[in-house]
């Protein structure tokens, strides 16, 4: 469930150091924003940001960009950054459908999709972040050896995603239907807020890694 709208959240985001405004103007310039040529990893639908911030602390030589559609959710992440600043992370408030307007060809090294909205109605399938339409977008911005990593507890969405990887002519490198009991794929796993909640309820976590 998304947080309710927080009055003033958009204004607070617009004034925040870690949130990039008018991100379309930064296309092709992300290494200049970070001031280095380190790899760029992005998370689409970052929620409150714990996953991305944990990675950023563990990997100071990687730049991270968190993308979140909802102002009220993104604000929580920005508040955490105020408490523990990390200079190798930035945020964008945007709809993922326009991601090719924000990142240039082969500008991104890795994409994380964690517990994405399942959009359960068939007519909304193309809105799912693992649809063939989104894989076409990822193809535009990922480096040739880049990968997409996807985690969910939703069986239907995971089954759909496995099929869409094939339909998009991508390679299914690895997958598991029970991440936390798969020693190889769970090594180094960083849990999200949703992952921790759902796994504590006994829900198996599914994960796939796809490349071209």
N, C-alpha and C. Protein backbone atom coordinates (compact mmCIF):
# COMPACT_ATOMS: atom_id res chain seq x y z
N UNK A 1 0.84 -1.20 0.00
CA UNK A 1 0.00 0.00 0.00
C UNK A 1 0.88 1.25 0.00
N UNK A 2 0.52 2.19 -0.86
CA UNK A 2 1.29 3.43 -0.94
C UNK A 2 0.93 4.36 0.21
N UNK A 3 1.90 5.16 0.61
CA UNK A 3 1.63 6.17 1.63
C UNK A 3 0.66 7.20 1.08
N UNK A 4 -0.19 7.73 1.93
CA UNK A 4 -1.09 8.80 1.51
C UNK A 4 -0.28 10.04 1.15
N UNK A 5 -0.88 10.90 0.35
CA UNK A 5 -0.19 12.12 -0.05
C UNK A 5 0.19 12.94 1.18
N UNK A 6 1.40 13.39 1.21
CA UNK A 6 1.88 14.22 2.31
C UNK A 6 1.93 15.67 1.85
N UNK A 7 1.18 16.55 2.47
CA UNK A 7 1.21 17.96 2.06
C UNK A 7 2.61 18.52 2.05
N UNK A 8 2.98 19.20 0.98
CA UNK A 8 4.29 19.82 0.88
C UNK A 8 5.39 18.89 0.41
N UNK A 9 5.05 17.63 0.09
CA UNK A 9 6.09 16.66 -0.29
C UNK A 9 6.77 17.06 -1.59
N UNK A 10 6.01 17.56 -2.55
CA UNK A 10 6.62 17.94 -3.84
C UNK A 10 7.54 19.13 -3.67
N UNK A 11 7.17 20.06 -2.82
CA UNK A 11 8.02 21.22 -2.58
C UNK A 11 9.33 20.79 -1.89
N UNK A 12 9.21 19.87 -0.93
CA UNK A 12 10.40 19.40 -0.22
C UNK A 12 11.33 18.65 -1.17
N UNK A 13 10.76 17.89 -2.09
CA UNK A 13 11.56 17.15 -3.06
C UNK A 13 12.28 18.11 -4.00
N UNK A 14 11.58 19.16 -4.42
CA UNK A 14 12.16 20.12 -5.37
C UNK A 14 13.36 20.85 -4.79
N UNK A 15 13.43 20.95 -3.47
CA UNK A 15 14.52 21.69 -2.83
C UNK A 15 15.64 20.78 -2.34
N UNK A 16 15.53 19.46 -2.57
CA UNK A 16 16.47 18.52 -1.98
C UNK A 16 17.70 18.30 -2.84
N UNK A 17 18.86 18.29 -2.21
CA UNK A 17 20.15 18.13 -2.89
C UNK A 17 20.25 16.81 -3.66
N UNK A 18 19.67 15.74 -3.11
CA UNK A 18 19.84 14.42 -3.68
C UNK A 18 18.80 14.08 -4.76
N UNK A 19 17.83 14.95 -4.94
CA UNK A 19 16.79 14.69 -5.93
C UNK A 19 17.04 15.53 -7.18
N UNK A 20 17.17 14.90 -8.33
CA UNK A 20 17.47 15.58 -9.58
C UNK A 20 16.20 16.16 -10.19
N UNK A 21 16.22 17.45 -10.43
CA UNK A 21 15.08 18.12 -11.05
C UNK A 21 15.27 18.16 -12.57
N UNK A 22 14.17 18.14 -13.31
CA UNK A 22 14.21 18.18 -14.78
C UNK A 22 15.24 17.16 -15.28
N UNK A 23 15.04 15.92 -14.89
CA UNK A 23 16.00 14.86 -15.18
C UNK A 23 16.23 14.65 -16.67
N UNK A 24 15.25 15.03 -17.50
CA UNK A 24 15.42 14.88 -18.95
C UNK A 24 16.62 15.67 -19.45
N UNK A 25 16.96 16.74 -18.75
CA UNK A 25 18.11 17.56 -19.16
C UNK A 25 19.45 16.91 -18.81
N UNK A 26 19.41 15.82 -18.05
CA UNK A 26 20.65 15.17 -17.63
C UNK A 26 21.01 13.97 -18.50
N UNK A 27 20.20 13.67 -19.49
CA UNK A 27 20.45 12.52 -20.35
C UNK A 27 21.85 12.61 -20.96
N UNK A 28 22.63 11.55 -20.75
CA UNK A 28 23.99 11.52 -21.25
C UNK A 28 25.00 12.20 -20.35
N UNK A 29 24.54 12.79 -19.26
CA UNK A 29 25.43 13.57 -18.38
C UNK A 29 25.53 13.02 -16.96
N UNK A 30 25.10 11.79 -16.75
CA UNK A 30 25.04 11.28 -15.38
C UNK A 30 26.41 11.15 -14.73
N UNK A 31 27.43 10.84 -15.50
CA UNK A 31 28.76 10.77 -14.89
C UNK A 31 29.24 12.14 -14.43
N UNK A 32 28.79 13.18 -15.10
CA UNK A 32 29.13 14.54 -14.66
C UNK A 32 28.41 14.88 -13.36
N UNK A 33 27.18 14.41 -13.21
CA UNK A 33 26.44 14.66 -11.98
C UNK A 33 27.16 14.06 -10.78
N UNK A 34 27.67 12.85 -10.96
CA UNK A 34 28.37 12.18 -9.85
C UNK A 34 29.83 12.60 -9.77
N UNK A 35 30.35 13.19 -10.83
CA UNK A 35 31.74 13.65 -10.82
C UNK A 35 32.75 12.54 -10.94
N UNK A 36 32.36 11.41 -11.56
CA UNK A 36 33.27 10.29 -11.77
C UNK A 36 32.74 9.43 -12.91
N UNK A 37 33.49 8.40 -13.27
CA UNK A 37 33.07 7.52 -14.35
C UNK A 37 32.70 6.13 -13.83
N UNK A 38 32.25 6.05 -12.59
CA UNK A 38 31.86 4.77 -12.01
C UNK A 38 30.60 4.22 -12.68
N UNK A 39 30.40 2.90 -12.62
CA UNK A 39 29.18 2.31 -13.19
C UNK A 39 27.92 2.91 -12.57
N UNK A 40 26.86 2.93 -13.34
CA UNK A 40 25.58 3.47 -12.88
C UNK A 40 24.55 2.34 -12.79
N UNK A 41 24.02 2.14 -11.59
CA UNK A 41 22.95 1.17 -11.36
C UNK A 41 21.69 1.92 -10.97
N UNK A 42 20.55 1.51 -11.49
CA UNK A 42 19.31 2.20 -11.16
C UNK A 42 18.29 1.21 -10.59
N UNK A 43 17.44 1.71 -9.71
CA UNK A 43 16.31 0.94 -9.20
C UNK A 43 15.04 1.67 -9.60
N UNK A 44 14.16 0.97 -10.30
CA UNK A 44 12.89 1.56 -10.72
C UNK A 44 11.82 1.12 -9.74
N UNK A 45 11.20 2.09 -9.08
CA UNK A 45 10.25 1.80 -8.01
C UNK A 45 11.01 1.53 -6.72
N UNK A 46 11.75 2.54 -6.26
CA UNK A 46 12.67 2.36 -5.12
C UNK A 46 11.99 2.37 -3.76
N UNK A 47 10.69 2.76 -3.72
CA UNK A 47 10.02 2.81 -2.43
C UNK A 47 10.69 3.79 -1.49
N UNK A 48 10.91 3.36 -0.26
CA UNK A 48 11.52 4.24 0.74
C UNK A 48 13.06 4.24 0.66
N UNK A 49 13.62 3.42 -0.23
CA UNK A 49 15.04 3.54 -0.53
C UNK A 49 16.02 2.69 0.24
N UNK A 50 15.53 1.82 1.12
CA UNK A 50 16.48 1.07 1.95
C UNK A 50 17.40 0.18 1.12
N UNK A 51 16.85 -0.50 0.13
CA UNK A 51 17.64 -1.40 -0.71
C UNK A 51 18.77 -0.64 -1.38
N UNK A 52 18.44 0.47 -2.01
CA UNK A 52 19.44 1.23 -2.76
C UNK A 52 20.48 1.87 -1.84
N UNK A 53 20.05 2.36 -0.71
CA UNK A 53 20.99 2.98 0.22
C UNK A 53 21.95 1.96 0.81
N UNK A 54 21.45 0.76 1.06
CA UNK A 54 22.33 -0.30 1.56
C UNK A 54 23.40 -0.64 0.53
N UNK A 55 23.00 -0.77 -0.73
CA UNK A 55 23.96 -1.04 -1.81
C UNK A 55 24.97 0.10 -1.94
N UNK A 56 24.48 1.33 -1.84
CA UNK A 56 25.36 2.49 -1.99
C UNK A 56 26.43 2.52 -0.90
N UNK A 57 26.06 2.12 0.31
CA UNK A 57 27.05 2.06 1.40
C UNK A 57 28.04 0.93 1.19
N UNK A 58 27.57 -0.19 0.66
CA UNK A 58 28.44 -1.34 0.45
C UNK A 58 29.37 -1.16 -0.74
N UNK A 59 28.97 -0.34 -1.71
CA UNK A 59 29.71 -0.21 -2.97
C UNK A 59 29.96 1.26 -3.31
N UNK A 60 30.91 1.90 -2.66
CA UNK A 60 31.16 3.32 -2.91
C UNK A 60 31.66 3.62 -4.31
N UNK A 61 32.12 2.59 -5.04
CA UNK A 61 32.61 2.80 -6.40
C UNK A 61 31.54 2.55 -7.46
N UNK A 62 30.29 2.51 -7.04
CA UNK A 62 29.16 2.41 -7.96
C UNK A 62 28.21 3.57 -7.67
N UNK A 63 27.71 4.19 -8.71
CA UNK A 63 26.71 5.26 -8.58
C UNK A 63 25.31 4.67 -8.69
N UNK A 64 24.41 5.12 -7.83
CA UNK A 64 23.05 4.60 -7.81
C UNK A 64 22.03 5.71 -8.04
N UNK A 65 21.02 5.39 -8.84
CA UNK A 65 19.92 6.32 -9.08
C UNK A 65 18.62 5.61 -8.74
N UNK A 66 17.87 6.16 -7.80
CA UNK A 66 16.58 5.61 -7.42
C UNK A 66 15.45 6.36 -8.09
N UNK A 67 14.55 5.63 -8.70
CA UNK A 67 13.41 6.23 -9.41
C UNK A 67 12.13 5.86 -8.69
N UNK A 68 11.33 6.86 -8.37
CA UNK A 68 10.06 6.62 -7.67
C UNK A 68 8.99 7.56 -8.22
N UNK A 69 7.83 7.02 -8.47
CA UNK A 69 6.73 7.77 -9.06
C UNK A 69 6.00 8.65 -8.04
N UNK A 70 5.93 8.16 -6.80
CA UNK A 70 5.08 8.82 -5.80
C UNK A 70 5.89 9.74 -4.88
N UNK A 71 5.50 11.00 -4.83
CA UNK A 71 6.21 11.99 -4.03
C UNK A 71 6.27 11.62 -2.55
N UNK A 72 5.14 11.15 -2.01
CA UNK A 72 5.07 10.85 -0.59
C UNK A 72 6.01 9.72 -0.20
N UNK A 73 6.22 8.76 -1.13
CA UNK A 73 7.13 7.64 -0.86
C UNK A 73 8.57 8.10 -0.98
N UNK A 74 8.86 8.83 -2.05
CA UNK A 74 10.22 9.34 -2.27
C UNK A 74 10.68 10.21 -1.12
N UNK A 75 9.77 10.99 -0.55
CA UNK A 75 10.12 11.87 0.56
C UNK A 75 10.71 11.09 1.72
N UNK A 76 10.20 9.88 1.97
CA UNK A 76 10.73 9.06 3.07
C UNK A 76 12.20 8.72 2.80
N UNK A 77 12.52 8.41 1.55
CA UNK A 77 13.89 8.11 1.20
C UNK A 77 14.79 9.32 1.38
N UNK A 78 14.32 10.48 0.98
CA UNK A 78 15.11 11.69 1.12
C UNK A 78 15.35 12.03 2.59
N UNK A 79 14.36 11.76 3.42
CA UNK A 79 14.53 12.01 4.85
C UNK A 79 15.61 11.10 5.44
N UNK A 80 15.69 9.86 4.96
CA UNK A 80 16.75 8.96 5.41
C UNK A 80 18.12 9.46 4.97
N UNK A 81 18.17 10.03 3.76
CA UNK A 81 19.43 10.54 3.25
C UNK A 81 19.91 11.74 4.07
N UNK A 82 19.00 12.52 4.59
CA UNK A 82 19.37 13.65 5.44
C UNK A 82 20.06 13.15 6.71
N UNK A 83 19.64 11.98 7.18
CA UNK A 83 20.21 11.42 8.40
C UNK A 83 21.58 10.79 8.14
N UNK A 84 21.74 10.19 6.96
CA UNK A 84 22.99 9.50 6.63
C UNK A 84 23.33 9.76 5.16
N UNK A 85 23.93 10.91 4.84
CA UNK A 85 24.20 11.30 3.45
C UNK A 85 25.14 10.33 2.74
N UNK A 86 24.83 10.09 1.46
CA UNK A 86 25.66 9.25 0.60
C UNK A 86 25.80 9.97 -0.73
N UNK A 87 27.02 10.28 -1.11
CA UNK A 87 27.22 11.06 -2.33
C UNK A 87 27.19 10.22 -3.61
N UNK A 88 27.11 8.90 -3.49
CA UNK A 88 27.04 8.06 -4.69
C UNK A 88 25.60 7.61 -4.98
N UNK A 89 24.64 8.42 -4.57
CA UNK A 89 23.24 8.11 -4.83
C UNK A 89 22.46 9.38 -5.13
N UNK A 90 21.55 9.28 -6.10
CA UNK A 90 20.63 10.37 -6.43
C UNK A 90 19.25 9.78 -6.67
N UNK A 91 18.24 10.63 -6.59
CA UNK A 91 16.86 10.19 -6.77
C UNK A 91 16.17 11.01 -7.86
N UNK A 92 15.17 10.39 -8.48
CA UNK A 92 14.33 11.09 -9.45
C UNK A 92 12.86 10.74 -9.17
N UNK A 93 12.01 11.75 -9.18
CA UNK A 93 10.57 11.47 -9.13
C UNK A 93 10.06 11.50 -10.57
N UNK A 94 9.62 10.34 -11.08
CA UNK A 94 9.19 10.26 -12.47
C UNK A 94 8.44 8.95 -12.70
N UNK A 95 7.75 8.91 -13.82
CA UNK A 95 7.10 7.69 -14.28
C UNK A 95 8.11 6.92 -15.14
N UNK A 96 8.25 5.64 -14.89
CA UNK A 96 9.27 4.84 -15.58
C UNK A 96 9.05 4.75 -17.09
N UNK A 97 7.84 5.04 -17.56
CA UNK A 97 7.58 4.95 -19.00
C UNK A 97 8.46 5.91 -19.80
N UNK A 98 8.94 6.97 -19.18
CA UNK A 98 9.75 7.96 -19.89
C UNK A 98 11.25 7.80 -19.60
N UNK A 99 11.64 6.62 -19.19
CA UNK A 99 13.02 6.42 -18.75
C UNK A 99 14.04 6.67 -19.86
N UNK A 100 13.64 6.43 -21.11
CA UNK A 100 14.58 6.65 -22.23
C UNK A 100 14.82 8.13 -22.48
N UNK A 101 14.01 8.99 -21.87
CA UNK A 101 14.23 10.43 -21.98
C UNK A 101 15.22 10.93 -20.94
N UNK A 102 15.57 10.07 -20.00
CA UNK A 102 16.41 10.46 -18.88
C UNK A 102 17.81 9.86 -18.96
N UNK A 103 17.91 8.66 -19.52
CA UNK A 103 19.21 7.99 -19.66
C UNK A 103 19.51 7.77 -21.13
N UNK A 104 20.76 7.97 -21.50
CA UNK A 104 21.18 7.83 -22.89
C UNK A 104 21.48 6.37 -23.22
N UNK A 105 21.74 6.10 -24.48
CA UNK A 105 22.06 4.76 -24.93
C UNK A 105 23.29 4.23 -24.19
N UNK A 106 23.14 3.05 -23.60
CA UNK A 106 24.22 2.36 -22.88
C UNK A 106 24.80 3.18 -21.74
N UNK A 107 23.98 3.99 -21.11
CA UNK A 107 24.46 4.82 -19.99
C UNK A 107 24.34 4.10 -18.64
N UNK A 108 23.54 3.02 -18.61
CA UNK A 108 23.24 2.31 -17.36
C UNK A 108 23.86 0.92 -17.39
N UNK A 109 24.42 0.49 -16.25
CA UNK A 109 25.07 -0.81 -16.16
C UNK A 109 24.16 -1.91 -15.61
N UNK A 110 23.22 -1.54 -14.74
CA UNK A 110 22.35 -2.54 -14.13
C UNK A 110 21.03 -1.90 -13.73
N UNK A 111 19.96 -2.69 -13.84
CA UNK A 111 18.63 -2.22 -13.45
C UNK A 111 18.05 -3.18 -12.42
N UNK A 112 17.57 -2.63 -11.30
CA UNK A 112 16.90 -3.42 -10.27
C UNK A 112 15.40 -3.12 -10.29
N UNK A 113 14.61 -4.18 -10.26
CA UNK A 113 13.16 -4.08 -10.14
C UNK A 113 12.76 -4.90 -8.93
N UNK A 114 12.24 -4.27 -7.91
CA UNK A 114 11.92 -4.97 -6.67
C UNK A 114 10.46 -4.80 -6.30
N UNK A 115 9.72 -5.91 -6.25
CA UNK A 115 8.35 -5.92 -5.78
C UNK A 115 7.50 -4.86 -6.49
N UNK A 116 7.60 -4.91 -7.81
CA UNK A 116 6.91 -3.95 -8.66
C UNK A 116 5.39 -4.16 -8.61
N UNK A 117 4.66 -3.10 -8.93
CA UNK A 117 3.21 -3.16 -9.03
C UNK A 117 2.82 -4.25 -10.03
N UNK A 118 2.00 -5.24 -9.64
CA UNK A 118 1.66 -6.33 -10.57
C UNK A 118 0.67 -5.96 -11.67
N UNK A 119 0.00 -4.81 -11.54
CA UNK A 119 -1.01 -4.44 -12.54
C UNK A 119 -1.80 -5.70 -12.96
N UNK A 120 -2.64 -6.22 -12.09
CA UNK A 120 -3.25 -7.54 -12.29
C UNK A 120 -4.19 -7.68 -13.49
N UNK A 121 -4.78 -6.59 -13.96
CA UNK A 121 -5.70 -6.70 -15.09
C UNK A 121 -4.93 -6.88 -16.40
N UNK A 122 -5.40 -7.80 -17.23
CA UNK A 122 -4.71 -8.11 -18.49
C UNK A 122 -4.50 -6.88 -19.36
N UNK A 123 -5.46 -5.99 -19.36
CA UNK A 123 -5.34 -4.82 -20.24
C UNK A 123 -4.23 -3.87 -19.80
N UNK A 124 -3.72 -4.06 -18.60
CA UNK A 124 -2.65 -3.22 -18.09
C UNK A 124 -1.28 -3.91 -18.16
N UNK A 125 -1.20 -5.05 -18.85
CA UNK A 125 0.04 -5.84 -18.86
C UNK A 125 1.24 -5.04 -19.30
N UNK A 126 1.06 -4.15 -20.27
CA UNK A 126 2.21 -3.39 -20.79
C UNK A 126 2.75 -2.40 -19.77
N UNK A 127 2.01 -2.15 -18.69
CA UNK A 127 2.49 -1.25 -17.65
C UNK A 127 3.42 -1.95 -16.66
N UNK A 128 3.40 -3.27 -16.67
CA UNK A 128 4.25 -4.01 -15.75
C UNK A 128 5.72 -3.79 -16.11
N UNK A 129 6.55 -3.60 -15.11
CA UNK A 129 7.95 -3.24 -15.37
C UNK A 129 8.76 -4.37 -15.98
N UNK A 130 8.18 -5.58 -16.02
CA UNK A 130 8.86 -6.70 -16.69
C UNK A 130 8.14 -7.07 -17.99
N UNK A 131 7.34 -6.19 -18.54
CA UNK A 131 6.69 -6.46 -19.82
C UNK A 131 7.69 -6.31 -20.95
N UNK A 132 7.36 -6.87 -22.10
CA UNK A 132 8.26 -6.76 -23.26
C UNK A 132 8.43 -5.30 -23.67
N UNK A 133 7.40 -4.48 -23.42
CA UNK A 133 7.51 -3.05 -23.73
C UNK A 133 8.58 -2.39 -22.87
N UNK A 134 8.66 -2.78 -21.60
CA UNK A 134 9.70 -2.20 -20.74
C UNK A 134 11.07 -2.78 -21.04
N UNK A 135 11.12 -4.06 -21.39
CA UNK A 135 12.42 -4.62 -21.78
C UNK A 135 12.98 -3.91 -23.01
N UNK A 136 12.10 -3.46 -23.90
CA UNK A 136 12.55 -2.68 -25.06
C UNK A 136 13.16 -1.36 -24.61
N UNK A 137 12.61 -0.76 -23.58
CA UNK A 137 13.18 0.48 -23.03
C UNK A 137 14.53 0.20 -22.37
N UNK A 138 14.60 -0.89 -21.62
CA UNK A 138 15.86 -1.23 -20.96
C UNK A 138 16.95 -1.50 -22.00
N UNK A 139 16.56 -2.08 -23.12
CA UNK A 139 17.51 -2.36 -24.19
C UNK A 139 18.17 -1.08 -24.70
N UNK A 140 17.44 0.02 -24.64
CA UNK A 140 17.95 1.30 -25.12
C UNK A 140 19.00 1.90 -24.19
N UNK A 141 18.84 1.72 -22.89
CA UNK A 141 19.69 2.44 -21.95
C UNK A 141 20.78 1.58 -21.31
N UNK A 142 20.63 0.26 -21.36
CA UNK A 142 21.62 -0.63 -20.75
C UNK A 142 22.84 -0.84 -21.64
N UNK A 143 23.99 -0.95 -21.00
CA UNK A 143 25.19 -1.36 -21.73
C UNK A 143 25.00 -2.78 -22.25
N UNK A 144 25.80 -3.16 -23.24
CA UNK A 144 25.63 -4.45 -23.89
C UNK A 144 25.72 -5.61 -22.90
N UNK A 145 26.56 -5.49 -21.88
CA UNK A 145 26.70 -6.55 -20.90
C UNK A 145 25.87 -6.27 -19.64
N UNK A 146 24.94 -5.32 -19.72
CA UNK A 146 24.10 -4.97 -18.58
C UNK A 146 23.05 -6.03 -18.28
N UNK A 147 22.56 -6.02 -17.05
CA UNK A 147 21.55 -7.01 -16.65
C UNK A 147 20.38 -6.33 -15.94
N UNK A 148 19.27 -7.05 -15.94
CA UNK A 148 18.08 -6.66 -15.17
C UNK A 148 17.87 -7.70 -14.09
N UNK A 149 17.71 -7.25 -12.85
CA UNK A 149 17.42 -8.14 -11.73
C UNK A 149 16.03 -7.82 -11.19
N UNK A 150 15.21 -8.85 -11.03
CA UNK A 150 13.81 -8.66 -10.62
C UNK A 150 13.47 -9.59 -9.46
N UNK A 151 12.86 -9.01 -8.42
CA UNK A 151 12.40 -9.80 -7.28
C UNK A 151 10.92 -9.50 -7.00
N UNK A 152 10.19 -10.55 -6.61
CA UNK A 152 8.77 -10.39 -6.28
C UNK A 152 8.32 -11.57 -5.44
N UNK A 153 7.21 -11.40 -4.75
CA UNK A 153 6.57 -12.54 -4.09
C UNK A 153 5.30 -12.95 -4.83
N UNK A 154 5.00 -12.24 -5.92
CA UNK A 154 3.77 -12.47 -6.67
C UNK A 154 3.99 -13.54 -7.74
N UNK A 155 3.40 -14.70 -7.55
CA UNK A 155 3.62 -15.84 -8.45
C UNK A 155 3.16 -15.52 -9.87
N UNK A 156 1.97 -14.93 -9.99
CA UNK A 156 1.45 -14.60 -11.31
C UNK A 156 2.34 -13.64 -12.06
N UNK A 157 2.83 -12.62 -11.37
CA UNK A 157 3.71 -11.64 -12.01
C UNK A 157 5.04 -12.29 -12.39
N UNK A 158 5.52 -13.19 -11.56
CA UNK A 158 6.78 -13.85 -11.87
C UNK A 158 6.64 -14.76 -13.10
N UNK A 159 5.55 -15.51 -13.16
CA UNK A 159 5.31 -16.37 -14.33
C UNK A 159 5.24 -15.51 -15.60
N UNK A 160 4.52 -14.40 -15.51
CA UNK A 160 4.41 -13.46 -16.63
C UNK A 160 5.80 -12.96 -17.03
N UNK A 161 6.62 -12.63 -16.05
CA UNK A 161 7.94 -12.07 -16.30
C UNK A 161 8.86 -13.07 -17.00
N UNK A 162 8.78 -14.32 -16.59
CA UNK A 162 9.59 -15.36 -17.25
C UNK A 162 9.24 -15.45 -18.73
N UNK A 163 7.96 -15.37 -19.04
CA UNK A 163 7.53 -15.44 -20.44
C UNK A 163 7.94 -14.19 -21.21
N UNK A 164 7.85 -13.04 -20.56
CA UNK A 164 8.18 -11.78 -21.24
C UNK A 164 9.67 -11.68 -21.55
N UNK A 165 10.52 -12.25 -20.72
CA UNK A 165 11.96 -12.27 -21.01
C UNK A 165 12.18 -12.96 -22.36
N UNK A 166 11.50 -14.09 -22.57
CA UNK A 166 11.63 -14.82 -23.83
C UNK A 166 11.04 -14.02 -24.99
N UNK A 167 9.85 -13.46 -24.78
CA UNK A 167 9.18 -12.71 -25.84
C UNK A 167 9.99 -11.47 -26.25
N UNK A 168 10.74 -10.93 -25.31
CA UNK A 168 11.58 -9.75 -25.60
C UNK A 168 12.91 -10.13 -26.24
N UNK A 169 13.13 -11.45 -26.41
CA UNK A 169 14.38 -11.97 -26.98
C UNK A 169 15.59 -11.67 -26.09
N UNK A 170 15.35 -11.68 -24.78
CA UNK A 170 16.43 -11.57 -23.81
C UNK A 170 16.79 -12.97 -23.33
N UNK A 171 17.92 -13.07 -22.64
CA UNK A 171 18.35 -14.33 -22.06
C UNK A 171 17.96 -14.40 -20.59
N UNK A 172 17.41 -15.52 -20.19
CA UNK A 172 17.11 -15.75 -18.78
C UNK A 172 18.35 -16.40 -18.16
N UNK A 173 19.18 -15.59 -17.52
CA UNK A 173 20.46 -16.08 -17.01
C UNK A 173 20.28 -17.01 -15.80
N UNK A 174 19.47 -16.56 -14.86
CA UNK A 174 19.22 -17.35 -13.64
C UNK A 174 17.82 -17.03 -13.13
N UNK A 175 17.23 -17.99 -12.44
CA UNK A 175 15.98 -17.68 -11.74
C UNK A 175 15.75 -18.68 -10.63
N UNK A 176 15.00 -18.26 -9.63
CA UNK A 176 14.64 -19.14 -8.53
C UNK A 176 13.25 -18.75 -8.04
N UNK A 177 12.53 -19.71 -7.54
CA UNK A 177 11.21 -19.45 -6.96
C UNK A 177 11.24 -19.43 -5.43
N UNK A 178 12.43 -19.56 -4.88
CA UNK A 178 12.57 -19.50 -3.42
C UNK A 178 13.96 -18.97 -3.09
N UNK A 179 14.12 -17.67 -3.28
CA UNK A 179 15.43 -17.03 -3.17
C UNK A 179 16.14 -17.32 -1.86
N UNK A 180 15.43 -17.21 -0.76
CA UNK A 180 16.07 -17.32 0.54
C UNK A 180 16.52 -18.74 0.88
N UNK A 181 16.10 -19.71 0.06
CA UNK A 181 16.58 -21.09 0.23
C UNK A 181 17.41 -21.54 -0.97
N UNK A 182 17.86 -20.59 -1.75
CA UNK A 182 18.74 -20.86 -2.89
C UNK A 182 20.10 -20.24 -2.55
N UNK A 183 21.01 -21.07 -2.06
CA UNK A 183 22.27 -20.56 -1.51
C UNK A 183 23.04 -19.72 -2.52
N UNK A 184 23.08 -20.15 -3.77
CA UNK A 184 23.86 -19.44 -4.79
C UNK A 184 23.27 -18.08 -5.09
N UNK A 185 21.97 -18.02 -5.35
CA UNK A 185 21.36 -16.75 -5.74
C UNK A 185 21.14 -15.82 -4.55
N UNK A 186 21.09 -16.38 -3.36
CA UNK A 186 20.84 -15.55 -2.18
C UNK A 186 22.12 -14.95 -1.60
N UNK A 187 23.26 -15.38 -2.10
CA UNK A 187 24.52 -14.86 -1.59
C UNK A 187 24.63 -13.36 -1.84
N UNK A 188 24.83 -12.59 -0.79
CA UNK A 188 24.93 -11.14 -0.91
C UNK A 188 23.61 -10.43 -1.12
N UNK A 189 22.50 -11.15 -0.98
CA UNK A 189 21.19 -10.55 -1.21
C UNK A 189 20.91 -9.43 -0.21
N UNK A 190 20.44 -8.30 -0.71
CA UNK A 190 20.01 -7.18 0.13
C UNK A 190 18.50 -7.13 0.11
N UNK A 191 17.89 -7.22 1.27
CA UNK A 191 16.43 -7.27 1.33
C UNK A 191 15.82 -5.87 1.30
N UNK A 192 14.69 -5.77 0.63
CA UNK A 192 13.91 -4.54 0.65
C UNK A 192 12.93 -4.59 1.83
N UNK A 193 12.25 -3.48 2.07
CA UNK A 193 11.24 -3.46 3.13
C UNK A 193 10.14 -4.48 2.85
N UNK A 194 9.67 -4.51 1.60
CA UNK A 194 8.62 -5.47 1.22
C UNK A 194 9.11 -6.90 1.35
N UNK A 195 10.33 -7.15 0.93
CA UNK A 195 10.88 -8.50 0.98
C UNK A 195 10.91 -9.01 2.41
N UNK A 196 11.34 -8.16 3.31
CA UNK A 196 11.41 -8.55 4.71
C UNK A 196 10.02 -8.86 5.26
N UNK A 197 9.06 -8.03 4.89
CA UNK A 197 7.69 -8.21 5.36
C UNK A 197 7.07 -9.49 4.80
N UNK A 198 7.18 -9.67 3.48
CA UNK A 198 6.54 -10.82 2.85
C UNK A 198 7.19 -12.14 3.25
N UNK A 199 8.50 -12.14 3.38
CA UNK A 199 9.18 -13.39 3.75
C UNK A 199 8.86 -13.75 5.20
N UNK A 200 8.65 -12.75 6.05
CA UNK A 200 8.29 -13.03 7.45
C UNK A 200 6.89 -13.64 7.54
N UNK A 201 6.08 -13.43 6.49
CA UNK A 201 4.75 -14.02 6.42
C UNK A 201 4.79 -15.42 5.81
N UNK A 202 5.99 -15.86 5.42
CA UNK A 202 6.12 -17.19 4.84
C UNK A 202 6.01 -17.23 3.33
N UNK A 203 5.97 -16.06 2.69
CA UNK A 203 5.87 -16.02 1.23
C UNK A 203 7.24 -16.25 0.59
N UNK A 204 7.38 -17.23 -0.30
CA UNK A 204 8.64 -17.41 -1.01
C UNK A 204 8.93 -16.19 -1.89
N UNK A 205 10.19 -15.83 -1.99
CA UNK A 205 10.61 -14.71 -2.83
C UNK A 205 11.17 -15.26 -4.13
N UNK A 206 10.67 -14.75 -5.25
CA UNK A 206 11.12 -15.19 -6.56
C UNK A 206 12.10 -14.15 -7.13
N UNK A 207 13.09 -14.63 -7.86
CA UNK A 207 14.06 -13.72 -8.46
C UNK A 207 14.50 -14.24 -9.83
N UNK A 208 14.69 -13.29 -10.75
CA UNK A 208 15.30 -13.63 -12.04
C UNK A 208 16.35 -12.60 -12.41
N UNK A 209 17.30 -13.04 -13.20
CA UNK A 209 18.32 -12.16 -13.77
C UNK A 209 18.30 -12.37 -15.27
N UNK A 210 18.17 -11.27 -16.02
CA UNK A 210 18.07 -11.35 -17.48
C UNK A 210 19.10 -10.45 -18.14
N UNK A 211 19.57 -10.90 -19.31
CA UNK A 211 20.53 -10.12 -20.09
C UNK A 211 20.21 -10.32 -21.57
N UNK A 212 20.94 -9.61 -22.44
CA UNK A 212 20.71 -9.79 -23.87
C UNK A 212 21.72 -10.75 -24.48
